């Protein structure tokens, strides 16, 4: 039988971690192992206490210093021994049939390199998530030329890259795949960061990949090199919506936008150097221009006109367009 490893990064959330673990051990297709990556919790995760409750298949590895979600996901996969890996955030849950359904799809469709897993929100702020998520998924299906193979499976070819450059819904950040496929995608991302002269090796690259939106970034590299991918259009991943996440906090909107801009800049630099990304260079350029434009608009709305102009200038240099030019005129007209 194919074996599956569940990777759970965590930091300072012991109560939520226990809930996540309950959903992991409650799978109808039992995972071969559960690897908890303790990302520098102030109170280290107690492996003995957890194995006593959840069984000997659970292991804990620890980063003595917090290195962030992307680094911790990679370390978990590096420690894994399963044929397949699936990631679970410490504040989320898996539907009891998540592994069984995902594995069945991958076994029946050997042309697929990975499956994305649709998500459903739960918790006090889930109504908004469950309203906007289906619309975002439909947009990706349309932009990415997704094909419904049957009622709950949507298959994608290379056009998925174009779609994810526009938007990466949570469903395309939740994934199950073979362990070696994960390593191939992550190796490409490390190579993309190593185009910087200051980053000398893969470990330095992993340490540089910090901050929010890293699951969105990983999905872009995955779409760029995978032969075939599919979305399981059933809400098998349960996303907690209780205001606990970084991206859900209104005060982090500006930092969130800046991080997205930096990710697109890195991707564009890499597209000039790496053959795997070069076919998407023009789409990546356009996406970066759009990110600069959105940043310009955000600064303008916040009254930072000089910063807005700098961002708009970068957008126009990358992609001269009538909408960008119109906004430039609007910026410099006297306010009524």
C-alpha atoms as a PDB file:
ATOM      1  CA  UNK A   1       0.000   0.000   0.000  1.00  0.00           C
ATOM      2  CA  UNK A   2       1.125   3.545  -0.685  1.00  0.00           C
ATOM      3  CA  UNK A   3       2.207   5.351   2.462  1.00  0.00           C
ATOM      4  CA  UNK A   4       1.318   8.940   3.295  1.00  0.00           C
ATOM      5  CA  UNK A   5       3.107  11.416   5.565  1.00  0.00           C
ATOM      6  CA  UNK A   6       1.232  14.358   7.092  1.00  0.00           C
ATOM      7  CA  UNK A   7       3.417  17.400   7.773  1.00  0.00           C
ATOM      8  CA  UNK A   8       2.221  19.869  10.440  1.00  0.00           C
ATOM      9  CA  UNK A   9       4.317  22.989  11.108  1.00  0.00           C
ATOM     10  CA  UNK A  10       3.431  24.651  14.405  1.00  0.00           C
ATOM     11  CA  UNK A  11       4.473  27.475  16.676  1.00  0.00           C
ATOM     12  CA  UNK A  12       2.988  28.352  20.055  1.00  0.00           C
ATOM     13  CA  UNK A  13      -0.498  26.977  19.388  1.00  0.00           C
ATOM     14  CA  UNK A  14      -0.722  23.782  21.486  1.00  0.00           C
ATOM     15  CA  UNK A  15      -4.508  23.710  21.786  1.00  0.00           C
ATOM     16  CA  UNK A  16      -5.115  24.165  18.056  1.00  0.00           C
ATOM     17  CA  UNK A  17      -2.364  21.644  17.301  1.00  0.00           C
ATOM     18  CA  UNK A  18      -4.227  18.985  19.276  1.00  0.00           C
ATOM     19  CA  UNK A  19      -7.358  19.599  17.187  1.00  0.00           C
ATOM     20  CA  UNK A  20      -5.339  19.314  13.983  1.00  0.00           C
ATOM     21  CA  UNK A  21      -3.828  16.046  15.202  1.00  0.00           C
ATOM     22  CA  UNK A  22      -7.240  14.609  16.021  1.00  0.00           C
ATOM     23  CA  UNK A  23      -8.278  15.174  12.405  1.00  0.00           C
ATOM     24  CA  UNK A  24      -4.999  13.647  11.187  1.00  0.00           C
ATOM     25  CA  UNK A  25      -5.288  10.412  13.143  1.00  0.00           C
ATOM     26  CA  UNK A  26      -9.004  10.225  12.310  1.00  0.00           C
ATOM     27  CA  UNK A  27      -8.394   9.662   8.579  1.00  0.00           C
ATOM     28  CA  UNK A  28     -10.219   6.762   6.946  1.00  0.00           C
ATOM     29  CA  UNK A  29      -6.899   5.997   5.186  1.00  0.00           C
ATOM     30  CA  UNK A  30      -4.436   6.048   8.055  1.00  0.00           C
ATOM     31  CA  UNK A  31      -1.247   8.032   7.500  1.00  0.00           C
ATOM     32  CA  UNK A  32       2.003   6.123   7.918  1.00  0.00           C
ATOM     33  CA  UNK A  33       3.408   8.994   9.968  1.00  0.00           C
ATOM     34  CA  UNK A  34       2.642  12.454  11.248  1.00  0.00           C
ATOM     35  CA  UNK A  35       5.599  14.827  11.413  1.00  0.00           C
ATOM     36  CA  UNK A  36       5.254  17.927  13.559  1.00  0.00           C
ATOM     37  CA  UNK A  37       7.767  20.656  12.814  1.00  0.00           C
ATOM     38  CA  UNK A  38       8.064  22.837  15.915  1.00  0.00           C
ATOM     39  CA  UNK A  39       9.165  26.182  14.495  1.00  0.00           C
ATOM     40  CA  UNK A  40      10.810  27.600  17.594  1.00  0.00           C
ATOM     41  CA  UNK A  41       7.865  27.506  20.017  1.00  0.00           C
ATOM     42  CA  UNK A  42       8.595  29.251  23.313  1.00  0.00           C
ATOM     43  CA  UNK A  43       7.468  26.067  25.059  1.00  0.00           C
ATOM     44  CA  UNK A  44       8.823  23.184  22.948  1.00  0.00           C
ATOM     45  CA  UNK A  45       6.264  20.683  21.690  1.00  0.00           C
ATOM     46  CA  UNK A  46       6.181  17.684  24.036  1.00  0.00           C
ATOM     47  CA  UNK A  47       6.712  14.675  21.769  1.00  0.00           C
ATOM     48  CA  UNK A  48       6.251  12.155  24.578  1.00  0.00           C
ATOM     49  CA  UNK A  49       2.887  13.590  25.594  1.00  0.00           C
ATOM     50  CA  UNK A  50       1.650  13.641  21.999  1.00  0.00           C
ATOM     51  CA  UNK A  51       2.803  10.116  21.124  1.00  0.00           C
ATOM     52  CA  UNK A  52       1.155   8.865  24.307  1.00  0.00           C
ATOM     53  CA  UNK A  53      -2.138  10.316  23.098  1.00  0.00           C
ATOM     54  CA  UNK A  54      -1.912   9.991  19.306  1.00  0.00           C
ATOM     55  CA  UNK A  55       0.334   6.981  18.794  1.00  0.00           C
ATOM     56  CA  UNK A  56       3.927   6.091  17.875  1.00  0.00           C
ATOM     57  CA  UNK A  57       3.596   7.165  14.233  1.00  0.00           C
ATOM     58  CA  UNK A  58       3.923  10.774  15.409  1.00  0.00           C
ATOM     59  CA  UNK A  59       7.344  12.444  15.396  1.00  0.00           C
ATOM     60  CA  UNK A  60       8.474  15.933  16.376  1.00  0.00           C
ATOM     61  CA  UNK A  61      11.416  17.815  14.879  1.00  0.00           C
ATOM     62  CA  UNK A  62      12.326  21.276  16.096  1.00  0.00           C
ATOM     63  CA  UNK A  63      13.766  24.464  14.681  1.00  0.00           C
ATOM     64  CA  UNK A  64      15.492  26.073  17.656  1.00  0.00           C
ATOM     65  CA  UNK A  65      14.978  29.427  15.921  1.00  0.00           C
ATOM     66  CA  UNK A  66      11.799  30.201  13.985  1.00  0.00           C
ATOM     67  CA  UNK A  67      12.431  30.122  10.236  1.00  0.00           C
ATOM     68  CA  UNK A  68       8.838  30.394   9.025  1.00  0.00           C
ATOM     69  CA  UNK A  69       6.297  28.221   7.305  1.00  0.00           C
ATOM     70  CA  UNK A  70       8.112  27.531   4.028  1.00  0.00           C
ATOM     71  CA  UNK A  71      11.302  26.388   5.773  1.00  0.00           C
ATOM     72  CA  UNK A  72       9.299  24.218   8.174  1.00  0.00           C
ATOM     73  CA  UNK A  73       7.306  22.586   5.380  1.00  0.00           C
ATOM     74  CA  UNK A  74      10.553  21.719   3.607  1.00  0.00           C
ATOM     75  CA  UNK A  75      12.094  20.301   6.748  1.00  0.00           C
ATOM     76  CA  UNK A  76       9.036  18.151   7.341  1.00  0.00           C
ATOM     77  CA  UNK A  77       9.222  16.680   3.841  1.00  0.00           C
ATOM     78  CA  UNK A  78      12.978  16.122   4.236  1.00  0.00           C
ATOM     79  CA  UNK A  79      12.207  14.064   7.356  1.00  0.00           C
ATOM     80  CA  UNK A  80       9.310  12.174   5.745  1.00  0.00           C
ATOM     81  CA  UNK A  81       9.447   8.552   4.642  1.00  0.00           C
ATOM     82  CA  UNK A  82       6.031   8.247   3.015  1.00  0.00           C
ATOM     83  CA  UNK A  83       5.437   7.825  -0.706  1.00  0.00           C
ATOM     84  CA  UNK A  84       3.124  10.850  -0.616  1.00  0.00           C
ATOM     85  CA  UNK A  85       3.019  13.990   1.503  1.00  0.00           C
ATOM     86  CA  UNK A  86       0.170  16.251   2.516  1.00  0.00           C
ATOM     87  CA  UNK A  87       0.468  19.441   4.547  1.00  0.00           C
ATOM     88  CA  UNK A  88      -1.811  20.543   7.360  1.00  0.00           C
ATOM     89  CA  UNK A  89      -1.555  23.883   9.151  1.00  0.00           C
ATOM     90  CA  UNK A  90      -1.736  23.657  12.937  1.00  0.00           C
ATOM     91  CA  UNK A  91      -4.960  25.711  13.063  1.00  0.00           C
ATOM     92  CA  UNK A  92      -6.807  23.759  10.363  1.00  0.00           C
ATOM     93  CA  UNK A  93      -8.418  20.325  10.018  1.00  0.00           C
ATOM     94  CA  UNK A  94      -8.694  17.530   7.482  1.00  0.00           C
ATOM     95  CA  UNK A  95     -11.987  15.952   6.499  1.00  0.00           C
ATOM     96  CA  UNK A  96     -11.893  12.243   7.448  1.00  0.00           C
ATOM     97  CA  UNK A  97     -11.703  11.253   3.755  1.00  0.00           C
ATOM     98  CA  UNK A  98      -9.061  13.770   2.651  1.00  0.00           C
ATOM     99  CA  UNK A  99      -6.206  11.285   2.287  1.00  0.00           C
ATOM    100  CA  UNK A 100      -8.355   8.447   0.910  1.00  0.00           C
ATOM    101  CA  UNK A 101      -9.918  10.634  -1.784  1.00  0.00           C
ATOM    102  CA  UNK A 102      -6.705  12.408  -2.780  1.00  0.00           C
ATOM    103  CA  UNK A 103      -4.711   9.185  -2.959  1.00  0.00           C
ATOM    104  CA  UNK A 104      -7.403   7.474  -5.000  1.00  0.00           C
ATOM    105  CA  UNK A 105      -7.323  10.276  -7.587  1.00  0.00           C
ATOM    106  CA  UNK A 106      -3.532  10.141  -7.876  1.00  0.00           C
ATOM    107  CA  UNK A 107      -3.552   6.354  -8.208  1.00  0.00           C
ATOM    108  CA  UNK A 108      -6.279   6.374 -10.885  1.00  0.00           C
ATOM    109  CA  UNK A 109      -4.642   9.200 -12.852  1.00  0.00           C
ATOM    110  CA  UNK A 110      -0.897   8.509 -13.148  1.00  0.00           C
ATOM    111  CA  UNK A 111      -0.569  11.477 -15.525  1.00  0.00           C
ATOM    112  CA  UNK A 112      -1.190  13.831 -12.589  1.00  0.00           C
ATOM    113  CA  UNK A 113       1.806  15.143 -10.676  1.00  0.00           C
ATOM    114  CA  UNK A 114      -0.302  16.491  -7.837  1.00  0.00           C
ATOM    115  CA  UNK A 115      -3.812  17.268  -6.682  1.00  0.00           C
ATOM    116  CA  UNK A 116      -5.009  20.513  -5.161  1.00  0.00           C
ATOM    117  CA  UNK A 117      -7.703  20.129  -2.491  1.00  0.00           C
ATOM    118  CA  UNK A 118     -10.712  22.381  -2.203  1.00  0.00           C
ATOM    119  CA  UNK A 119     -11.352  24.002   1.158  1.00  0.00           C
ATOM    120  CA  UNK A 120     -14.318  24.946   3.298  1.00  0.00           C
ATOM    121  CA  UNK A 121     -14.120  27.560   6.020  1.00  0.00           C
ATOM    122  CA  UNK A 122     -15.281  26.958   9.562  1.00  0.00           C
ATOM    123  CA  UNK A 123     -15.405  29.207  12.581  1.00  0.00           C
ATOM    124  CA  UNK A 124     -16.945  32.610  13.415  1.00  0.00           C
ATOM    125  CA  UNK A 125     -15.672  34.355  10.260  1.00  0.00           C
ATOM    126  CA  UNK A 126     -16.261  31.542   7.798  1.00  0.00           C
ATOM    127  CA  UNK A 127     -19.305  33.009   6.028  1.00  0.00           C
ATOM    128  CA  UNK A 128     -17.217  35.452   4.007  1.00  0.00           C
ATOM    129  CA  UNK A 129     -14.631  32.794   3.132  1.00  0.00           C
ATOM    130  CA  UNK A 130     -17.284  30.349   1.942  1.00  0.00           C
ATOM    131  CA  UNK A 131     -18.868  33.093  -0.173  1.00  0.00           C
ATOM    132  CA  UNK A 132     -15.746  34.311  -1.987  1.00  0.00           C
ATOM    133  CA  UNK A 133     -13.765  31.064  -2.294  1.00  0.00           C
ATOM    134  CA  UNK A 134     -16.055  29.399  -4.909  1.00  0.00           C
ATOM    135  CA  UNK A 135     -15.943  32.550  -7.049  1.00  0.00           C
ATOM    136  CA  UNK A 136     -12.135  32.619  -6.902  1.00  0.00           C
ATOM    137  CA  UNK A 137     -11.962  28.951  -7.875  1.00  0.00           C
ATOM    138  CA  UNK A 138     -14.273  29.486 -10.828  1.00  0.00           C
ATOM    139  CA  UNK A 139     -12.032  32.308 -11.989  1.00  0.00           C
ATOM    140  CA  UNK A 140      -8.987  30.019 -11.894  1.00  0.00           C
ATOM    141  CA  UNK A 141     -10.869  27.292 -13.762  1.00  0.00           C
ATOM    142  CA  UNK A 142     -11.854  29.791 -16.452  1.00  0.00           C
ATOM    143  CA  UNK A 143      -8.442  31.465 -16.792  1.00  0.00           C
ATOM    144  CA  UNK A 144      -6.595  28.151 -16.548  1.00  0.00           C
ATOM    145  CA  UNK A 145      -8.759  26.250 -19.058  1.00  0.00           C
ATOM    146  CA  UNK A 146      -9.711  23.666 -16.445  1.00  0.00           C
ATOM    147  CA  UNK A 147     -11.619  20.622 -17.685  1.00  0.00           C
ATOM    148  CA  UNK A 148     -14.179  18.792 -15.556  1.00  0.00           C
ATOM    149  CA  UNK A 149     -13.341  15.119 -15.966  1.00  0.00           C
ATOM    150  CA  UNK A 150     -16.250  14.190 -13.712  1.00  0.00           C
ATOM    151  CA  UNK A 151     -18.329  15.848 -11.016  1.00  0.00           C
ATOM    152  CA  UNK A 152     -15.590  16.644  -8.513  1.00  0.00           C
ATOM    153  CA  UNK A 153     -12.317  16.650 -10.472  1.00  0.00           C
ATOM    154  CA  UNK A 154     -11.032  19.532 -12.588  1.00  0.00           C
ATOM    155  CA  UNK A 155      -7.882  18.821 -14.625  1.00  0.00           C
ATOM    156  CA  UNK A 156      -5.384  21.454 -15.743  1.00  0.00           C
ATOM    157  CA  UNK A 157      -2.586  21.733 -18.247  1.00  0.00           C
ATOM    158  CA  UNK A 158       0.073  24.431 -18.595  1.00  0.00           C
ATOM    159  CA  UNK A 159      -2.494  27.241 -18.681  1.00  0.00           C
ATOM    160  CA  UNK A 160      -2.886  26.946 -14.914  1.00  0.00           C
ATOM    161  CA  UNK A 161       0.267  29.055 -14.559  1.00  0.00           C
ATOM    162  CA  UNK A 162      -1.424  31.987 -16.277  1.00  0.00           C
ATOM    163  CA  UNK A 163      -4.410  31.694 -13.932  1.00  0.00           C
ATOM    164  CA  UNK A 164      -2.401  31.465 -10.723  1.00  0.00           C
ATOM    165  CA  UNK A 165      -0.407  34.541 -11.687  1.00  0.00           C
ATOM    166  CA  UNK A 166      -3.718  36.369 -11.329  1.00  0.00           C
ATOM    167  CA  UNK A 167      -5.013  34.749  -8.139  1.00  0.00           C
ATOM    168  CA  UNK A 168      -4.187  31.778  -5.898  1.00  0.00           C
ATOM    169  CA  UNK A 169      -7.246  30.763  -3.870  1.00  0.00           C
ATOM    170  CA  UNK A 170      -6.724  28.675  -0.730  1.00  0.00           C
ATOM    171  CA  UNK A 171      -7.800  25.553  -2.633  1.00  0.00           C
ATOM    172  CA  UNK A 172      -4.663  25.882  -4.787  1.00  0.00           C
ATOM    173  CA  UNK A 173      -2.501  26.176  -1.678  1.00  0.00           C
ATOM    174  CA  UNK A 174      -3.629  22.822  -0.239  1.00  0.00           C
ATOM    175  CA  UNK A 175      -1.951  19.934  -1.985  1.00  0.00           C
ATOM    176  CA  UNK A 176      -1.083  16.233  -1.937  1.00  0.00           C
ATOM    177  CA  UNK A 177       1.676  14.777  -4.087  1.00  0.00           C
ATOM    178  CA  UNK A 178       4.545  12.329  -4.245  1.00  0.00           C
ATOM    179  CA  UNK A 179       7.459  13.217  -2.026  1.00  0.00           C
ATOM    180  CA  UNK A 180       9.910  13.366  -4.941  1.00  0.00           C
ATOM    181  CA  UNK A 181       7.592  15.757  -6.804  1.00  0.00           C
ATOM    182  CA  UNK A 182       7.579  18.092  -3.811  1.00  0.00           C
ATOM    183  CA  UNK A 183      11.373  18.049  -3.780  1.00  0.00           C
ATOM    184  CA  UNK A 184      11.547  18.822  -7.526  1.00  0.00           C
ATOM    185  CA  UNK A 185       9.245  21.832  -7.190  1.00  0.00           C
ATOM    186  CA  UNK A 186      11.027  23.125  -4.105  1.00  0.00           C
ATOM    187  CA  UNK A 187      14.398  22.682  -5.824  1.00  0.00           C
ATOM    188  CA  UNK A 188      13.199  24.896  -8.676  1.00  0.00           C
ATOM    189  CA  UNK A 189      12.135  27.575  -6.185  1.00  0.00           C
ATOM    190  CA  UNK A 190      15.562  27.427  -4.500  1.00  0.00           C
ATOM    191  CA  UNK A 191      17.254  27.795  -7.888  1.00  0.00           C
ATOM    192  CA  UNK A 192      15.047  30.815  -8.567  1.00  0.00           C
ATOM    193  CA  UNK A 193      16.338  32.459  -5.396  1.00  0.00           C
ATOM    194  CA  UNK A 194      19.925  31.499  -6.153  1.00  0.00           C
ATOM    195  CA  UNK A 195      19.956  33.800  -9.175  1.00  0.00           C
ATOM    196  CA  UNK A 196      20.680  36.440  -6.530  1.00  0.00           C
ATOM    197  CA  UNK A 197      24.434  36.846  -6.068  1.00  0.00           C
ATOM    198  CA  UNK A 198      23.984  37.070  -2.288  1.00  0.00           C
ATOM    199  CA  UNK A 199      22.377  33.593  -2.045  1.00  0.00           C
ATOM    200  CA  UNK A 200      25.058  30.943  -2.461  1.00  0.00           C
ATOM    201  CA  UNK A 201      23.312  27.623  -1.811  1.00  0.00           C
ATOM    202  CA  UNK A 202      19.937  25.959  -1.274  1.00  0.00           C
ATOM    203  CA  UNK A 203      20.032  26.335   2.502  1.00  0.00           C
ATOM    204  CA  UNK A 204      20.561  30.089   2.168  1.00  0.00           C
ATOM    205  CA  UNK A 205      17.676  30.171  -0.320  1.00  0.00           C
ATOM    206  CA  UNK A 206      15.358  28.378   2.112  1.00  0.00           C
ATOM    207  CA  UNK A 207      16.258  30.831   4.856  1.00  0.00           C
ATOM    208  CA  UNK A 208      15.436  33.712   2.476  1.00  0.00           C
ATOM    209  CA  UNK A 209      11.954  32.359   1.719  1.00  0.00           C
ATOM    210  CA  UNK A 210      10.156  33.851   4.708  1.00  0.00           C
ATOM    211  CA  UNK A 211       6.981  35.778   5.411  1.00  0.00           C
ATOM    212  CA  UNK A 212       3.382  35.292   4.212  1.00  0.00           C
ATOM    213  CA  UNK A 213       2.072  34.092   0.836  1.00  0.00           C
ATOM    214  CA  UNK A 214       4.676  31.341   0.501  1.00  0.00           C
ATOM    215  CA  UNK A 215       2.063  28.658  -0.248  1.00  0.00           C
ATOM    216  CA  UNK A 216       0.819  30.872  -3.091  1.00  0.00           C
ATOM    217  CA  UNK A 217       4.378  31.219  -4.351  1.00  0.00           C
ATOM    218  CA  UNK A 218       4.992  27.448  -4.201  1.00  0.00           C
ATOM    219  CA  UNK A 219       1.829  26.859  -6.243  1.00  0.00           C
ATOM    220  CA  UNK A 220       3.215  29.088  -9.018  1.00  0.00           C
ATOM    221  CA  UNK A 221       6.413  27.055  -9.284  1.00  0.00           C
ATOM    222  CA  UNK A 222       4.391  23.849  -9.173  1.00  0.00           C
ATOM    223  CA  UNK A 223       2.124  24.940 -12.019  1.00  0.00           C
ATOM    224  CA  UNK A 224       5.134  25.986 -14.099  1.00  0.00           C
ATOM    225  CA  UNK A 225       6.801  22.557 -14.166  1.00  0.00           C
ATOM    226  CA  UNK A 226       4.103  19.950 -13.487  1.00  0.00           C
ATOM    227  CA  UNK A 227       2.867  17.981 -16.496  1.00  0.00           C
ATOM    228  CA  UNK A 228      -0.639  17.622 -15.157  1.00  0.00           C
ATOM    229  CA  UNK A 229      -2.491  18.835 -12.081  1.00  0.00           C
ATOM    230  CA  UNK A 230      -6.062  18.603 -10.866  1.00  0.00           C
ATOM    231  CA  UNK A 231      -8.339  20.197  -8.324  1.00  0.00           C
ATOM    232  CA  UNK A 232     -10.474  17.900  -6.197  1.00  0.00           C
ATOM    233  CA  UNK A 233     -13.546  20.100  -6.162  1.00  0.00           C
ATOM    234  CA  UNK A 234     -14.818  18.823  -2.831  1.00  0.00           C
ATOM    235  CA  UNK A 235     -14.159  20.728   0.409  1.00  0.00           C
ATOM    236  CA  UNK A 236     -11.869  18.165   2.033  1.00  0.00           C
ATOM    237  CA  UNK A 237      -9.574  20.713   3.712  1.00  0.00           C
ATOM    238  CA  UNK A 238     -11.159  22.646   6.585  1.00  0.00           C
ATOM    239  CA  UNK A 239      -9.820  26.187   6.883  1.00  0.00           C
ATOM    240  CA  UNK A 240     -10.215  27.860  10.255  1.00  0.00           C
ATOM    241  CA  UNK A 241     -11.632  31.396   9.945  1.00  0.00           C
ATOM    242  CA  UNK A 242     -11.349  33.003  13.337  1.00  0.00           C
ATOM    243  CA  UNK A 243      -9.097  35.983  12.693  1.00  0.00           C
ATOM    244  CA  UNK A 244      -6.034  34.048  13.831  1.00  0.00           C
ATOM    245  CA  UNK A 245      -4.194  34.090  10.504  1.00  0.00           C
ATOM    246  CA  UNK A 246      -1.665  36.713   9.408  1.00  0.00           C
ATOM    247  CA  UNK A 247      -3.469  37.518   6.161  1.00  0.00           C
ATOM    248  CA  UNK A 248      -6.835  37.920   7.866  1.00  0.00           C
ATOM    249  CA  UNK A 249      -5.709  40.883   9.983  1.00  0.00           C
ATOM    250  CA  UNK A 250      -6.634  44.248   8.352  1.00  0.00           C
ATOM    251  CA  UNK A 251      -3.546  45.973   9.744  1.00  0.00           C
ATOM    252  CA  UNK A 252      -1.339  43.622   7.725  1.00  0.00           C
ATOM    253  CA  UNK A 253      -2.847  44.511   4.346  1.00  0.00           C
ATOM    254  CA  UNK A 254       0.019  46.771   3.281  1.00  0.00           C
ATOM    255  CA  UNK A 255       2.723  44.292   4.329  1.00  0.00           C
ATOM    256  CA  UNK A 256       0.778  41.516   2.627  1.00  0.00           C
ATOM    257  CA  UNK A 257       0.680  43.488  -0.627  1.00  0.00           C
ATOM    258  CA  UNK A 258       4.391  44.281  -0.410  1.00  0.00           C
ATOM    259  CA  UNK A 259       5.225  40.627   0.117  1.00  0.00           C
ATOM    260  CA  UNK A 260       3.237  39.655  -2.981  1.00  0.00           C
ATOM    261  CA  UNK A 261       5.149  42.264  -4.954  1.00  0.00           C
ATOM    262  CA  UNK A 262       8.514  40.917  -3.778  1.00  0.00           C
ATOM    263  CA  UNK A 263       7.507  37.366  -4.735  1.00  0.00           C
ATOM    264  CA  UNK A 264       6.574  38.473  -8.266  1.00  0.00           C
ATOM    265  CA  UNK A 265       9.840  40.409  -8.603  1.00  0.00           C
ATOM    266  CA  UNK A 266      11.822  37.319  -7.647  1.00  0.00           C
ATOM    267  CA  UNK A 267       9.843  35.192 -10.086  1.00  0.00           C
ATOM    268  CA  UNK A 268      10.487  37.661 -12.895  1.00  0.00           C
ATOM    269  CA  UNK A 269      14.230  37.761 -12.234  1.00  0.00           C
ATOM    270  CA  UNK A 270      14.286  33.972 -12.275  1.00  0.00           C
ATOM    271  CA  UNK A 271      12.288  33.836 -15.525  1.00  0.00           C
ATOM    272  CA  UNK A 272      15.147  35.678 -17.201  1.00  0.00           C
ATOM    273  CA  UNK A 273      17.562  32.935 -16.179  1.00  0.00           C
ATOM    274  CA  UNK A 274      15.812  29.588 -15.734  1.00  0.00           C
ATOM    275  CA  UNK A 275      14.531  27.601 -18.739  1.00  0.00           C
ATOM    276  CA  UNK A 276      11.635  26.120 -16.744  1.00  0.00           C
ATOM    277  CA  UNK A 277      10.201  29.608 -16.167  1.00  0.00           C
ATOM    278  CA  UNK A 278      11.201  31.290 -19.411  1.00  0.00           C
ATOM    279  CA  UNK A 279       8.030  30.229 -21.327  1.00  0.00           C
ATOM    280  CA  UNK A 280       6.018  32.286 -18.838  1.00  0.00           C
ATOM    281  CA  UNK A 281       8.238  35.353 -18.833  1.00  0.00           C
ATOM    282  CA  UNK A 282       5.746  37.693 -20.520  1.00  0.00           C
ATOM    283  CA  UNK A 283       2.876  36.565 -18.261  1.00  0.00           C
ATOM    284  CA  UNK A 284       5.087  36.955 -15.183  1.00  0.00           C
ATOM    285  CA  UNK A 285       6.090  40.443 -16.369  1.00  0.00           C
ATOM    286  CA  UNK A 286       2.456  41.456 -16.802  1.00  0.00           C
ATOM    287  CA  UNK A 287       1.586  40.064 -13.379  1.00  0.00           C
ATOM    288  CA  UNK A 288       4.445  42.016 -11.811  1.00  0.00           C
ATOM    289  CA  UNK A 289       3.271  45.192 -13.552  1.00  0.00           C
ATOM    290  CA  UNK A 290      -0.215  44.606 -12.143  1.00  0.00           C
ATOM    291  CA  UNK A 291       1.243  44.120  -8.656  1.00  0.00           C
ATOM    292  CA  UNK A 292       3.088  47.436  -8.941  1.00  0.00           C
ATOM    293  CA  UNK A 293      -0.114  49.112 -10.132  1.00  0.00           C
ATOM    294  CA  UNK A 294      -2.108  47.708  -7.210  1.00  0.00           C
ATOM    295  CA  UNK A 295       0.580  48.953  -4.846  1.00  0.00           C
ATOM    296  CA  UNK A 296       0.407  52.379  -6.492  1.00  0.00           C
ATOM    297  CA  UNK A 297      -3.351  52.502  -6.014  1.00  0.00           C
ATOM    298  CA  UNK A 298      -3.010  51.435  -2.365  1.00  0.00           C
ATOM    299  CA  UNK A 299      -0.464  54.181  -1.678  1.00  0.00           C
ATOM    300  CA  UNK A 300      -2.629  56.746  -3.484  1.00  0.00           C
ATOM    301  CA  UNK A 301      -5.699  55.849  -1.427  1.00  0.00           C
ATOM    302  CA  UNK A 302      -3.581  56.180   1.720  1.00  0.00           C
ATOM    303  CA  UNK A 303      -2.404  59.669   0.743  1.00  0.00           C
ATOM    304  CA  UNK A 304       1.180  58.660  -0.115  1.00  0.00           C
ATOM    305  CA  UNK A 305       1.336  60.227  -3.566  1.00  0.00           C
ATOM    306  CA  UNK A 306       5.130  60.068  -4.011  1.00  0.00           C
ATOM    307  CA  UNK A 307       5.241  56.365  -3.164  1.00  0.00           C
ATOM    308  CA  UNK A 308       2.260  55.839  -5.451  1.00  0.00           C
ATOM    309  CA  UNK A 309       4.030  57.507  -8.337  1.00  0.00           C
ATOM    310  CA  UNK A 310       7.165  55.383  -7.895  1.00  0.00           C
ATOM    311  CA  UNK A 311       5.108  52.188  -8.034  1.00  0.00           C
ATOM    312  CA  UNK A 312       3.096  53.380 -11.027  1.00  0.00           C
ATOM    313  CA  UNK A 313       6.293  54.300 -12.873  1.00  0.00           C
ATOM    314  CA  UNK A 314       7.566  50.731 -12.395  1.00  0.00           C
ATOM    315  CA  UNK A 315       4.266  49.363 -13.703  1.00  0.00           C
ATOM    316  CA  UNK A 316       4.458  51.552 -16.825  1.00  0.00           C
ATOM    317  CA  UNK A 317       8.069  50.566 -17.518  1.00  0.00           C
ATOM    318  CA  UNK A 318       7.145  46.891 -17.398  1.00  0.00           C
ATOM    319  CA  UNK A 319       3.902  47.186 -19.360  1.00  0.00           C
ATOM    320  CA  UNK A 320       2.828  50.513 -20.882  1.00  0.00           C
ATOM    321  CA  UNK A 321      -0.951  50.501 -20.916  1.00  0.00           C
ATOM    322  CA  UNK A 322      -3.830  52.921 -21.250  1.00  0.00           C
ATOM    323  CA  UNK A 323      -5.339  52.167 -17.782  1.00  0.00           C
ATOM    324  CA  UNK A 324      -1.977  52.799 -16.108  1.00  0.00           C
ATOM    325  CA  UNK A 325      -1.526  56.048 -18.065  1.00  0.00           C
ATOM    326  CA  UNK A 326      -5.028  57.195 -17.137  1.00  0.00           C
ATOM    327  CA  UNK A 327      -4.255  56.616 -13.476  1.00  0.00           C
ATOM    328  CA  UNK A 328      -1.037  58.641 -13.843  1.00  0.00           C
ATOM    329  CA  UNK A 329      -3.087  61.577 -15.174  1.00  0.00           C
ATOM    330  CA  UNK A 330      -5.598  61.209 -12.346  1.00  0.00           C
ATOM    331  CA  UNK A 331      -2.782  61.272  -9.775  1.00  0.00           C
ATOM    332  CA  UNK A 332      -1.433  64.613 -10.914  1.00  0.00           C
ATOM    333  CA  UNK A 333      -4.729  66.406 -11.478  1.00  0.00           C
ATOM    334  CA  UNK A 334      -5.544  68.885  -8.704  1.00  0.00           C
ATOM    335  CA  UNK A 335      -7.839  67.422  -6.086  1.00  0.00           C
ATOM    336  CA  UNK A 336     -11.322  68.941  -6.040  1.00  0.00           C
END
